[in-house]
Structure formats: structure tokens, C-alpha cells
Amino acid sequence: MSTSGIDMGGHDDTAAPPALFANRLKVYAKAVQGPVRRIKWALLVVMLGVYYILPWIRWDRGPGRPDQALLLDLEGRRGYFFNLEIWPDEIYYLAGLLIFGAVLLFLVTSLYGRLWCGYACPQTVWTDLFMWVERKIEGDRAERIRRDKAALSFDKAWRKVAKHGAWVLIAAATGGAWIMYYRDAPTVTVEILTGQASATVYSMFALFTITTYTLAGWAREQVCTYMCPWPRFQAAMLDDQTVTVTYQAWRGEPRGKYRKGESFDLRGDCVDCTQCVQVCPTGIDIRDGIQLECINCGLCVDACNNVMDKLHRPNALITWDTFANQTALAKGEQPRHMKIIRPRTLIYAGLIVVLGAVMMTAMLTRTRVDATVIRDRAPLFVTLSDGSIRNGYTLKITNRRPEGSEFAVTVDGPEGLVASVHTPDGRELPADNVEVRGDTQGALRMFIAMPRKAIPEEQTPIDVHIRNLTTGEEASVATVFVAPPSGGDRTQRVNSVAPVQVP
């Protein structure tokens, strides 16, 4: 008898090795009715409404300035948030806002689990919308499964085409709305529809359209399970006091099929109907405990409560609860309420207070004048005919006010310091103020000279002060004056006023 392909241990050498990854099992989520579903619909309408409508809200900022309430103007290098205007060098405000949002998300997660994932995440919102369209065109779960297994027919074909056509339209509206946050909404809409938009606009429009269509229409739960990093580390923020969607195994087990008129004595309330699995958008069984794929949406709560109502059994077999309370109830102990105040929540709340205070202070003390001073690197210094040492600088004055303003420039340094300001083309400015147009940055050349004997050290600290003559707002910049090794006694520091004017 031939033993080819069979080793002495009885293993088949010719068998294919096991696959490293299982093929995706398509999730056919079933429609469900109940309080949770109604809350999700309400939030979906609100969030989609905010996303699509917000770019069209107008906000008057005066002539010649954008009138869109929320606009990230990349061409103008400005960020407009209603009455707030952010310049590129103030990107730390955006960074602070993102950090504040992240810590707030940590706090919410430690209290109520993945509430963001189940109700507010864009992936969840758009997937919910796409699934609603799918049900309207192809029917509910059983009908979609039956149609997908059937051979191609006219009915199947037109429904598939209609569904994907609707998805593309929604995705296109999503991509178009995203661009409106970076370009004036009415203007860019006309440009896109009339073929006058730039290649960049059309490229970004196509990118966000394809991305929305792919992620919400095809990837769906795969995004939450494999692409999103949040499920990987959100478990570190959970503890036994976190409220999450939970199956009360102490009450539901032993589970089993139920026949009408049967007693629930000596058995659990779970009738193994799998309704909780069928409505789950990620296709998991919540009865197996907390899982990576669970987004805490709570649709299984509605499904189970509907079944319990029909069986005249108490609701909340699947509900939001803490692990601590579930453990207590399983032991027959008194219910334990969630402890909101605990070490991790205090830490997150404290960070939120600190970040909020820092950001509020920064906003309240924010001035509309700023200056930068860049010392010339080549040459580091020059020696004048009278033996004095001179350094050159590039002085930039930023006027964040919409109207033009006049500024006084003073330099604080050792006695004998002489400062002069010139236009970029070398013309000296004799006036006692400098005018900078509104919402712009004026660039000047500044020269500072000192007698050699008055220079206290090779690198002498000096301060350049800029003051708005109208509002009194000030900005100061510290820099250094570089000289050859010479020595000299330190002298009293005085102010040297630089009368300057920019055309």
C-alpha cells in the first residue's frame, strides 16, 4: 500500500497550510427599532446637518475679507473661526484644541466606553447612512442575503446599480463639502459644477469621494476592526467602573431555544434568538463579552429588549452597565452604582481644566502685533570707517488688525547704540513711525552700530520693541549684537528710538 504524502505520525504532507487570515464574512446588519436607534438617527441628522451646512454660514468681517464663518484659507494662510482669526505662526492653538479634544475623549471613554465610536465617529455616521440607503433599495437583512445568493437578474441588477449610484452621490456631496471648508463654499461649488475649478480641487474632490464610498460602502466594520488605532489602546482607559454594553450572563444563562408556554424556571432568559448578532453593525456576539470589534452603539440593547417584551420578561438582559455591578449581581449582592470620581477620571478632568485654562489665557492675552528679528549670518558684522561695529538684521512686523497701523520701533542696548531702519532696497527711513497695512507683514532692514569701546562682550544681548501707536499693543524680541573679541567695560543700557516709515 502506498504511503506517499503520509508521514509516520499520520499527518497528510500534501494538505495546504492553514491561512494566516480568515476571509471576511460579509455583515448583513438587520434594521431595529427602539430608543437607542432613535437617538442614533437624531445624532446622525444633527451631525450631517452641521457638516453640510456649516460652510454656507456667512460671517461679516469687513470689506475685502472672507465672509465664511468657518474657513481654513490655505491660499491666504489664515484660519477663520467666526470672530477668531488664526495665523500660520499660531498653529499651537489648533494643536492645543486637538490635545484638549483627545483628553476629553479619554475622559468620556473611561466613563462610558466607546461612546465616540458608536455615535459620533464619521465612519459610524456615514456607514449608518449608507446602510439605510441599502435597506431602502435592497430590503432588510433576509432579503439582501437571499438576493445576493440568487443568480443575476434584472431585479438584482437594477437594485445594485441604484444602491451604488446613491452611494456615489452621497460620497460626492461629502467630498464637495470637505473642500468648502478650505475654499469659499458658493464660489467653489460653482467652479466644480461649471468645470472651472483647478486640478487640485478636482483631485481632492475625487479623493474624498472615493474614500467615503470605499470606507462607508465597502470596508465598513473593517475600518473599525483593522484600520482604526483607537480600539487597540482604548482598553487601557477602561476599568471595572466603566459603563459599557454588557450581556448579563448571570441572568441569561443557561440559554436555549424557547417554545411558547414554556416555563423560564431552571433556565436563563436568553432564548438564543441571535437578534443581538443580526443587528450588530460589526457582526459580533455581545454574549461573548467585551470585544475589540464592539463600538458600543447599543443596537443590540434595542433588539434584545424587543424580544424580552414579546416574551413578557424584564428588559435589560443586554444593557449598559459596569463590570463591578455585573459581578455583584452575579453573586446576588446589592447593585453597585458607577463611581464617577476615581483616580483616572480625576487625572483626565484635571488635564482638561489645565489645558482649558492655558488656552483661555493664551486667547485673552493674545495681541494683534508680532515681530521677528533675524540677524545676518554673512557677514556677522562689519567695521565702519570710524571703527564702530555694525550688525544687520531683518525686521518683520506683523499687523493682525484689519486696518493699517503705525508702529514705533525701539532698541534697548548698551550706551552708544545707534539703530537705523531701511527699506528692503536700502533707502533709509527718517520718520518716527512705521506704517504696516492691515492683515499683512511688513519687512524692513535694520542696522545697529556701536563704538568698539562701548561693546561689553562678543555677543551682547539687545531687545527690539515694537509698539502700536494707536492701540498701545507691544511686542518684544530678544536678539544679540555680535562683535570681534575686544573687551570693554559694561555700560548703562539706554533706549535708542528708530524713527522709521515703510511706504
Protein backbone atom coordinates (compact mmCIF):
# COMPACT_ATOMS: atom_id res chain seq x y z
CA MET A 1 0.00 0.00 0.00
CA SER A 2 1.39 3.39 -0.95
CA THR A 3 2.09 5.80 1.90
CA SER A 4 3.05 8.74 -0.29
CA GLY A 5 2.16 12.03 1.37
CA ILE A 6 1.53 10.41 4.79
CA ASP A 7 4.18 10.62 7.50
CA MET A 8 4.55 8.08 10.31
CA GLY A 9 2.56 10.31 12.63
CA GLY A 10 -0.50 10.10 10.41
CA HIS A 11 -0.28 13.70 9.10
CA ASP A 12 -1.02 14.48 5.45
CA ASP A 13 2.05 16.22 3.96
CA THR A 14 0.09 17.27 0.89
CA ALA A 15 -2.52 19.29 2.85
CA ALA A 16 -2.39 23.04 2.24
CA PRO A 17 -1.03 25.09 5.15
CA PRO A 18 -3.64 26.98 7.16
CA ALA A 19 -4.32 30.53 6.03
CA LEU A 20 -2.89 33.28 8.19
CA PHE A 21 -6.00 35.44 7.77
CA ALA A 22 -9.63 34.41 7.54
CA ASN A 23 -11.70 35.67 4.65
CA ARG A 24 -14.12 38.45 5.51
CA LEU A 25 -17.65 37.31 6.30
CA LYS A 26 -19.98 39.98 4.96
CA VAL A 27 -22.12 41.54 7.68
CA TYR A 28 -25.81 41.89 6.86
CA ALA A 29 -26.99 44.16 9.67
CA LYS A 30 -30.70 43.97 10.37
CA ALA A 31 -32.84 47.05 10.96
CA VAL A 32 -34.02 47.54 14.54
CA GLN A 33 -36.43 49.91 16.24
CA GLY A 34 -36.12 51.33 19.72
CA PRO A 35 -34.90 54.24 21.86
CA VAL A 36 -31.23 53.64 21.03
CA ARG A 37 -31.89 53.61 17.31
CA ARG A 38 -33.92 56.83 17.57
CA ILE A 39 -31.09 58.55 19.43
CA LYS A 40 -28.62 57.43 16.76
CA TRP A 41 -30.89 58.75 13.99
CA ALA A 42 -31.24 62.10 15.76
CA LEU A 43 -27.47 62.44 16.24
CA LEU A 44 -26.87 61.38 12.63
CA VAL A 45 -29.18 64.10 11.32
CA VAL A 46 -27.61 66.74 13.57
CA MET A 47 -24.00 65.85 12.73
CA LEU A 48 -24.58 65.52 8.99
CA GLY A 49 -26.51 68.79 9.08
CA VAL A 50 -23.62 70.55 10.81
CA TYR A 51 -21.11 69.08 8.36
CA TYR A 52 -23.01 70.03 5.20
CA ILE A 53 -24.48 73.38 6.34
CA LEU A 54 -21.62 74.93 8.32
CA PRO A 55 -19.55 76.04 5.28
CA TRP A 56 -22.55 78.02 4.00
CA ILE A 57 -22.93 80.15 7.14
CA ARG A 58 -21.77 83.72 6.49
CA TRP A 59 -19.84 85.97 8.90
CA ASP A 60 -19.16 89.63 8.10
CA ARG A 61 -15.50 90.54 8.68
CA GLY A 62 -15.44 93.74 6.71
CA PRO A 63 -14.65 94.59 3.08
CA GLY A 64 -12.05 92.53 1.27
CA ARG A 65 -12.06 89.72 3.85
CA PRO A 66 -13.64 86.24 3.69
CA ASP A 67 -17.24 86.18 4.87
CA GLN A 68 -17.42 82.43 5.55
CA ALA A 69 -17.91 81.62 9.23
CA LEU A 70 -15.57 78.62 9.23
CA LEU A 71 -12.77 78.65 6.67
CA LEU A 72 -9.24 77.26 6.52
CA ASP A 73 -7.92 79.54 3.80
CA LEU A 74 -4.77 77.79 2.56
CA GLU A 75 -4.11 80.34 -0.15
CA GLY A 76 -4.46 83.28 2.24
CA ARG A 77 -2.72 81.34 5.01
CA ARG A 78 -5.41 82.06 7.56
CA GLY A 79 -7.86 80.12 9.64
CA TYR A 80 -11.22 81.78 10.33
CA PHE A 81 -13.49 80.52 13.12
CA PHE A 82 -16.37 83.00 13.32
CA ASN A 83 -14.81 86.02 15.07
CA LEU A 84 -11.43 84.35 15.58
CA GLU A 85 -8.62 84.59 13.05
CA ILE A 86 -5.64 82.23 13.29
CA TRP A 87 -2.32 82.95 11.56
CA PRO A 88 0.17 80.26 10.48
CA ASP A 89 2.51 81.01 13.41
CA GLU A 90 -0.42 80.43 15.79
CA ILE A 91 -0.86 76.80 14.84
CA TYR A 92 -0.33 75.98 18.50
CA TYR A 93 -3.97 76.97 19.06
CA LEU A 94 -5.04 74.13 16.77
CA ALA A 95 -2.59 71.77 18.44
CA GLY A 96 -3.98 72.74 21.84
CA LEU A 97 -7.54 72.18 20.63
CA LEU A 98 -6.65 68.71 19.35
CA ILE A 99 -4.93 67.80 22.63
CA PHE A 100 -7.93 69.12 24.57
CA GLY A 101 -10.26 67.00 22.41
CA ALA A 102 -8.09 63.91 22.88
CA VAL A 103 -8.06 64.21 26.68
CA LEU A 104 -11.81 64.85 26.67
CA LEU A 105 -12.22 61.66 24.63
CA PHE A 106 -10.09 59.80 27.19
CA LEU A 107 -12.38 61.01 29.98
CA VAL A 108 -15.56 60.04 28.14
CA THR A 109 -14.09 56.61 27.31
CA SER A 110 -13.11 55.96 30.93
CA LEU A 111 -16.69 56.78 31.97
CA TYR A 112 -18.84 55.36 29.16
CA GLY A 113 -16.61 53.25 26.94
CA ARG A 114 -16.51 53.74 23.19
CA LEU A 115 -19.31 56.27 23.10
CA TRP A 116 -17.49 58.21 20.37
CA CYS A 117 -17.19 55.13 18.17
CA GLY A 118 -20.84 54.19 18.47
CA TYR A 119 -22.42 57.59 17.97
CA ALA A 120 -20.14 60.36 16.71
CA CYS A 121 -17.29 58.85 14.69
CA PRO A 122 -17.55 59.89 11.00
CA GLN A 123 -17.05 56.27 9.96
CA THR A 124 -20.07 55.25 12.05
CA VAL A 125 -22.22 58.16 10.88
CA TRP A 126 -21.63 57.67 7.16
CA THR A 127 -21.82 53.88 7.42
CA ASP A 128 -25.21 54.24 9.12
CA LEU A 129 -26.37 56.48 6.26
CA PHE A 130 -25.09 54.07 3.60
CA MET A 131 -26.75 51.10 5.31
CA TRP A 132 -30.05 52.99 5.47
CA VAL A 133 -29.85 53.60 1.72
CA GLU A 134 -29.02 49.93 1.19
CA ARG A 135 -32.07 48.79 3.14
CA LYS A 136 -34.37 51.19 1.30
CA ILE A 137 -33.26 49.85 -2.09
CA GLU A 138 -32.40 46.18 -1.45
CA GLY A 139 -34.54 45.40 1.58
CA ASP A 140 -33.71 44.23 5.08
CA ARG A 141 -31.25 41.56 6.12
CA ALA A 142 -33.07 38.40 4.99
CA GLU A 143 -33.98 39.88 1.62
CA ARG A 144 -30.41 41.06 0.96
CA ILE A 145 -28.97 37.67 1.84
CA ARG A 146 -31.44 35.90 -0.39
CA ARG A 147 -30.84 38.26 -3.30
CA ASP A 148 -27.04 38.02 -3.02
CA LYS A 149 -27.23 34.22 -3.17
CA ALA A 150 -29.56 34.25 -6.16
CA ALA A 151 -28.43 34.32 -9.77
CA LEU A 152 -28.11 37.64 -11.58
CA SER A 153 -31.47 39.01 -12.67
CA PHE A 154 -32.88 42.33 -13.80
CA ASP A 155 -34.29 43.00 -10.34
CA LYS A 156 -30.96 42.27 -8.69
CA ALA A 157 -29.02 44.31 -11.25
CA TRP A 158 -31.07 47.50 -11.09
CA ARG A 159 -31.13 47.47 -7.31
CA LYS A 160 -27.35 47.09 -7.15
CA VAL A 161 -26.84 49.89 -9.66
CA ALA A 162 -29.29 52.16 -7.85
CA LYS A 163 -27.64 51.47 -4.49
CA HIS A 164 -24.12 52.19 -5.67
CA GLY A 165 -25.33 55.23 -7.59
CA ALA A 166 -26.86 56.64 -4.41
CA TRP A 167 -23.66 55.86 -2.51
CA VAL A 168 -21.59 57.74 -5.08
CA LEU A 169 -23.87 60.77 -4.87
CA ILE A 170 -23.59 60.84 -1.07
CA ALA A 171 -19.82 60.38 -1.30
CA ALA A 172 -19.59 63.19 -3.86
CA ALA A 173 -21.59 65.51 -1.61
CA THR A 174 -19.25 64.57 1.24
CA GLY A 175 -16.12 65.27 -0.81
CA GLY A 176 -17.54 68.55 -2.10
CA ALA A 177 -18.50 69.70 1.40
CA TRP A 178 -15.00 68.93 2.67
CA ILE A 179 -13.45 71.21 0.05
CA MET A 180 -15.83 74.01 1.11
CA TYR A 181 -14.02 74.21 4.43
CA TYR A 182 -10.90 75.29 2.50
CA ARG A 183 -12.47 77.41 -0.24
CA ASP A 184 -15.42 79.79 -0.24
CA ALA A 185 -18.46 77.47 -0.45
CA PRO A 186 -20.58 79.27 -3.08
CA THR A 187 -17.55 80.05 -5.24
CA VAL A 188 -16.04 76.57 -5.26
CA THR A 189 -19.45 74.96 -5.81
CA VAL A 190 -19.98 76.99 -8.98
CA GLU A 191 -16.43 76.24 -10.11
CA ILE A 192 -16.87 72.49 -9.62
CA LEU A 193 -20.24 72.35 -11.39
CA THR A 194 -19.11 74.51 -14.34
CA GLY A 195 -15.75 72.81 -14.83
CA GLN A 196 -13.77 75.90 -13.83
CA ALA A 197 -12.17 74.50 -10.68
CA SER A 198 -8.45 73.84 -10.53
CA ALA A 199 -6.89 70.41 -10.92
CA THR A 200 -6.10 70.45 -7.19
CA VAL A 201 -9.75 71.00 -6.30
CA TYR A 202 -10.92 68.20 -8.58
CA SER A 203 -8.20 65.88 -7.27
CA MET A 204 -9.21 66.46 -3.65
CA PHE A 205 -12.88 66.17 -4.60
CA ALA A 206 -12.20 62.79 -6.20
CA LEU A 207 -10.03 61.64 -3.30
CA PHE A 208 -12.67 62.30 -0.64
CA THR A 209 -15.45 60.94 -2.83
CA ILE A 210 -13.60 57.66 -3.41
CA THR A 211 -12.55 57.45 0.24
CA THR A 212 -16.09 57.95 1.55
CA TYR A 213 -17.57 55.49 -0.96
CA THR A 214 -14.96 52.84 -0.14
CA LEU A 215 -14.90 53.14 3.65
CA ALA A 216 -18.63 53.58 4.27
CA GLY A 217 -19.87 51.38 1.43
CA TRP A 218 -17.39 48.52 1.27
CA ALA A 219 -14.96 48.49 4.21
CA ARG A 220 -17.45 49.35 6.96
CA GLU A 221 -16.64 47.28 10.05
CA GLN A 222 -13.19 46.50 8.65
CA VAL A 223 -12.23 50.11 9.32
CA CYS A 224 -13.16 49.78 12.99
CA THR A 225 -11.53 46.38 13.37
CA TYR A 226 -8.30 46.71 11.38
CA MET A 227 -7.68 50.30 10.24
CA CYS A 228 -8.58 52.41 13.27
CA PRO A 229 -5.96 52.50 16.08
CA TRP A 230 -8.45 53.59 18.73
CA PRO A 231 -9.78 50.09 19.65
CA ARG A 232 -6.21 48.95 20.28
CA PHE A 233 -5.50 51.29 23.16
CA GLN A 234 -8.95 52.28 24.39
CA ALA A 235 -8.95 49.19 26.62
CA ALA A 236 -6.24 50.86 28.70
CA MET A 237 -8.79 53.51 29.68
CA LEU A 238 -11.45 51.06 30.84
CA ASP A 239 -11.81 49.67 34.33
CA ASP A 240 -14.48 47.86 36.33
CA GLN A 241 -16.36 51.17 36.79
CA THR A 242 -16.68 51.95 33.08
CA VAL A 243 -20.19 51.74 31.65
CA THR A 244 -20.23 49.57 28.52
CA VAL A 245 -22.74 47.46 26.60
CA THR A 246 -22.90 44.25 28.59
CA TYR A 247 -24.71 40.91 28.43
CA GLN A 248 -25.96 39.86 31.85
CA ALA A 249 -24.81 36.27 31.71
CA TRP A 250 -25.84 35.68 35.32
CA ARG A 251 -29.43 36.22 34.21
CA GLY A 252 -29.36 34.93 30.63
CA GLU A 253 -27.62 31.59 31.14
CA PRO A 254 -28.18 28.78 30.55
CA ARG A 255 -29.58 29.95 27.25
CA GLY A 256 -31.71 27.88 24.93
CA LYS A 257 -34.49 27.93 22.37
CA TYR A 258 -37.89 28.82 23.75
CA ARG A 259 -41.29 27.38 22.92
CA LYS A 260 -44.47 29.28 23.64
CA GLY A 261 -45.90 28.45 27.05
CA GLU A 262 -42.62 27.04 28.32
CA SER A 263 -41.55 27.96 31.84
CA PHE A 264 -38.41 30.05 32.49
CA ASP A 265 -37.69 28.15 35.67
CA LEU A 266 -34.28 26.47 35.78
CA ARG A 267 -33.16 28.28 32.62
CA GLY A 268 -31.92 31.71 31.59
CA ASP A 269 -33.83 34.49 29.90
CA CYS A 270 -31.73 34.29 26.73
CA VAL A 271 -33.69 32.37 24.11
CA ASP A 272 -30.72 32.22 21.70
CA CYS A 273 -32.63 34.12 19.01
CA THR A 274 -29.38 35.81 17.81
CA GLN A 275 -31.22 39.08 17.23
CA CYS A 276 -28.37 40.88 19.03
CA VAL A 277 -25.94 39.43 16.47
CA GLN A 278 -28.12 40.19 13.47
CA VAL A 279 -28.47 43.92 14.27
CA CYS A 280 -24.80 44.41 15.17
CA PRO A 281 -23.04 46.60 12.54
CA THR A 282 -19.77 44.73 13.16
CA GLY A 283 -21.36 41.27 13.30
CA ILE A 284 -20.20 40.21 16.76
CA ASP A 285 -21.99 38.33 19.52
CA ILE A 286 -22.13 40.58 22.58
CA ARG A 287 -22.83 37.49 24.70
CA ASP A 288 -19.18 36.54 24.28
CA GLY A 289 -18.17 39.57 26.37
CA ILE A 290 -16.43 42.83 25.54
CA GLN A 291 -14.58 42.58 22.23
CA LEU A 292 -12.28 44.64 20.08
CA GLU A 293 -14.91 44.97 17.35
CA CYS A 294 -17.67 46.28 19.64
CA ILE A 295 -18.29 50.00 19.04
CA ASN A 296 -20.68 50.33 22.00
CA CYS A 297 -23.54 51.51 19.78
CA GLY A 298 -26.18 49.66 21.82
CA LEU A 299 -28.35 48.49 18.91
CA CYS A 300 -28.24 45.03 20.47
CA VAL A 301 -29.94 46.56 23.52
CA ASP A 302 -32.94 47.56 21.40
CA ALA A 303 -33.05 44.17 19.70
CA CYS A 304 -32.95 42.22 22.95
CA ASN A 305 -35.49 44.47 24.68
CA ASN A 306 -37.90 43.94 21.79
CA VAL A 307 -37.60 40.16 22.27
CA MET A 308 -37.99 40.42 26.04
CA ASP A 309 -41.15 42.49 25.56
CA LYS A 310 -42.68 39.78 23.39
CA LEU A 311 -41.81 37.13 25.97
CA HIS A 312 -43.04 39.32 28.86
CA ARG A 313 -39.63 39.12 30.50
CA PRO A 314 -37.77 42.02 32.18
CA ASN A 315 -35.77 44.28 29.88
CA ALA A 316 -32.03 44.98 30.11
CA LEU A 317 -30.78 41.44 29.52
CA ILE A 318 -28.32 43.34 27.35
CA THR A 319 -27.73 46.83 28.75
CA TRP A 320 -25.16 49.45 29.68
CA ASP A 321 -23.54 48.51 32.95
CA THR A 322 -20.23 48.37 34.79
CA PHE A 323 -18.21 45.20 35.28
CA ALA A 324 -18.27 45.81 39.02
CA ASN A 325 -22.06 45.86 39.13
CA GLN A 326 -22.34 42.79 36.92
CA THR A 327 -20.00 40.90 39.23
CA ALA A 328 -22.04 41.96 42.27
CA LEU A 329 -25.34 40.99 40.70
CA ALA A 330 -23.94 37.60 39.65
CA LYS A 331 -23.07 36.97 43.33
CA GLY A 332 -26.53 38.04 44.47
CA GLU A 333 -25.20 41.21 46.11
CA GLN A 334 -26.75 44.66 46.07
CA PRO A 335 -26.32 46.71 42.87
CA ARG A 336 -23.25 48.91 42.77
CA HIS A 337 -23.52 52.32 41.16
CA MET A 338 -20.76 53.66 38.96
CA LYS A 339 -18.07 55.65 40.73
CA ILE A 340 -17.57 58.73 38.62
CA ILE A 341 -14.82 60.13 40.84
CA ARG A 342 -11.83 57.80 40.68
CA PRO A 343 -8.09 58.29 40.02
CA ARG A 344 -8.15 58.09 36.22
CA THR A 345 -11.17 60.37 35.83
CA LEU A 346 -9.64 62.90 38.21
CA ILE A 347 -6.43 62.89 36.17
CA TYR A 348 -8.28 63.39 32.89
CA ALA A 349 -10.53 66.07 34.37
CA GLY A 350 -7.51 67.86 35.84
CA LEU A 351 -5.75 67.83 32.48
CA ILE A 352 -8.87 69.22 30.81
CA VAL A 353 -9.05 72.07 33.35
CA VAL A 354 -5.35 72.88 32.92
CA LEU A 355 -5.48 72.76 29.12
CA GLY A 356 -8.65 74.83 29.07
CA ALA A 357 -7.11 77.43 31.37
CA VAL A 358 -3.92 77.62 29.31
CA MET A 359 -5.82 78.02 26.05
CA MET A 360 -8.21 80.60 27.53
CA THR A 361 -5.30 82.59 28.96
CA ALA A 362 -3.49 82.47 25.63
CA MET A 363 -6.59 83.71 23.83
CA LEU A 364 -7.29 86.53 26.30
CA THR A 365 -3.68 87.77 26.28
CA ARG A 366 -3.30 87.40 22.53
CA THR A 367 -2.10 90.56 20.80
CA ARG A 368 -2.51 91.61 17.19
CA VAL A 369 1.07 92.72 16.76
CA ASP A 370 4.08 90.47 16.43
CA ALA A 371 7.66 90.88 15.34
CA THR A 372 10.61 88.74 14.34
CA VAL A 373 14.24 89.80 14.14
CA ILE A 374 16.69 87.71 12.11
CA ARG A 375 20.36 88.63 12.40
CA ASP A 376 22.51 88.47 9.28
CA ARG A 377 24.78 85.44 9.15
CA ALA A 378 27.09 86.61 6.41
CA PRO A 379 28.82 88.77 7.33
CA LEU A 380 28.38 88.51 11.09
CA PHE A 381 29.46 92.14 11.46
CA VAL A 382 31.22 94.93 9.58
CA THR A 383 33.67 97.55 10.77
CA LEU A 384 32.75 101.12 9.82
CA SER A 385 35.23 103.87 8.92
CA ASP A 386 35.11 105.33 12.44
CA GLY A 387 35.92 101.97 13.99
CA SER A 388 32.37 101.21 15.07
CA ILE A 389 30.95 97.69 14.67
CA ARG A 390 27.67 97.28 12.81
CA ASN A 391 25.28 94.32 12.62
CA GLY A 392 22.49 93.86 10.08
CA TYR A 393 19.04 92.44 10.81
CA THR A 394 15.83 91.63 9.01
CA LEU A 395 12.90 93.07 10.96
CA LYS A 396 9.39 91.77 10.25
CA ILE A 397 6.36 93.42 11.82
CA THR A 398 3.06 91.54 11.69
CA ASN A 399 -0.12 93.58 11.88
CA ARG A 400 -3.05 91.25 12.59
CA ARG A 401 -5.58 94.05 12.66
CA PRO A 402 -7.76 94.52 9.55
CA GLU A 403 -6.81 98.20 9.27
CA GLY A 404 -3.35 99.69 8.76
CA SER A 405 -1.43 100.76 11.89
CA GLU A 406 1.64 102.84 12.78
CA PHE A 407 4.36 101.32 14.94
CA ALA A 408 7.28 102.71 16.92
CA VAL A 409 10.50 100.71 16.92
CA THR A 410 12.92 100.99 19.85
CA VAL A 411 16.11 99.07 20.55
CA ASP A 412 17.27 98.53 24.13
CA GLY A 413 21.02 98.04 24.50
CA PRO A 414 24.34 99.50 25.73
CA GLU A 415 25.01 103.23 25.75
CA GLY A 416 26.20 104.47 22.38
CA LEU A 417 23.99 102.10 20.40
CA VAL A 418 22.66 103.62 17.17
CA ALA A 419 19.81 101.95 15.26
CA SER A 420 18.55 102.77 11.81
CA VAL A 421 15.83 101.22 9.69
CA HIS A 422 15.80 100.93 5.91
CA THR A 423 13.52 99.70 3.20
CA PRO A 424 14.46 96.37 1.58
CA ASP A 425 16.02 98.30 -1.33
CA GLY A 426 18.35 100.22 1.02
CA ARG A 427 16.61 103.59 1.44
CA GLU A 428 16.90 104.94 4.96
CA LEU A 429 13.64 105.89 6.65
CA PRO A 430 13.80 109.14 8.63
CA ALA A 431 10.23 109.24 10.01
CA ASP A 432 9.36 108.43 13.63
CA ASN A 433 6.83 105.69 12.90
CA VAL A 434 6.34 102.76 10.57
CA GLU A 435 3.05 102.05 8.88
CA VAL A 436 2.10 98.45 8.15
CA ARG A 437 -1.00 97.62 6.16
CA GLY A 438 -3.73 95.65 7.83
CA ASP A 439 -3.62 91.87 7.83
CA THR A 440 -0.08 91.82 6.44
CA GLN A 441 3.54 91.52 7.48
CA GLY A 442 5.93 94.39 6.76
CA ALA A 443 9.61 93.52 6.08
CA LEU A 444 12.41 96.01 6.88
CA ARG A 445 16.19 96.13 7.11
CA MET A 446 17.58 97.26 10.46
CA PHE A 447 21.20 98.18 11.21
CA ILE A 448 22.63 98.57 14.70
CA ALA A 449 26.06 100.12 15.29
CA MET A 450 28.11 100.55 18.48
CA PRO A 451 31.54 102.09 19.18
CA ARG A 452 34.11 99.36 19.75
CA LYS A 453 34.95 100.59 23.25
CA ALA A 454 31.24 100.51 24.22
CA ILE A 455 30.78 96.85 23.31
CA PRO A 456 30.80 94.87 26.57
CA GLU A 457 31.27 91.38 25.10
CA GLU A 458 31.48 89.40 21.87
CA GLN A 459 27.74 88.65 21.95
CA THR A 460 25.78 91.43 23.58
CA PRO A 461 22.08 90.84 24.33
CA ILE A 462 19.75 93.51 22.94
CA ASP A 463 15.96 93.83 22.83
CA VAL A 464 13.86 95.17 19.97
CA HIS A 465 10.48 96.61 20.98
CA ILE A 466 7.53 97.20 18.63
CA ARG A 467 4.59 99.32 19.85
CA ASN A 468 1.34 100.05 18.06
CA LEU A 469 0.92 103.83 18.35
CA THR A 470 -2.87 103.56 18.13
CA THR A 471 -3.72 100.65 20.45
CA GLY A 472 -0.60 100.56 22.62
CA GLU A 473 -0.09 96.81 21.94
CA GLU A 474 3.54 95.81 22.16
CA ALA A 475 5.83 93.02 21.06
CA SER A 476 9.43 92.44 22.10
CA VAL A 477 12.13 90.31 20.50
CA ALA A 478 15.44 89.39 22.12
CA THR A 479 18.49 89.08 19.88
CA VAL A 480 22.27 89.60 20.12
CA PHE A 481 24.84 92.02 18.79
CA VAL A 482 27.98 90.23 17.57
CA ALA A 483 31.42 91.87 17.65
CA PRO A 484 35.05 90.73 17.31
CA PRO A 485 36.94 89.89 20.52
CA SER A 486 37.65 93.31 22.02
CA GLY A 487 36.52 93.54 25.65
CA GLY A 488 35.44 96.80 27.24
CA ASP A 489 33.60 97.81 30.38
CA ARG A 490 29.89 97.21 30.69
CA THR A 491 27.92 100.43 30.31
CA GLN A 492 24.45 101.60 31.26
CA ARG A 493 21.66 100.38 28.95
CA VAL A 494 19.58 103.07 27.25
CA ASN A 495 16.80 103.25 24.67
CA SER A 496 17.56 104.31 21.13
CA VAL A 497 14.43 105.28 19.17
CA ALA A 498 14.45 104.38 15.50
CA PRO A 499 12.24 106.76 13.52
CA VAL A 500 11.12 104.67 10.58
CA GLN A 501 8.41 104.57 7.93
CA VAL A 502 7.50 101.96 5.35
CA PRO A 503 5.90 103.18 2.14
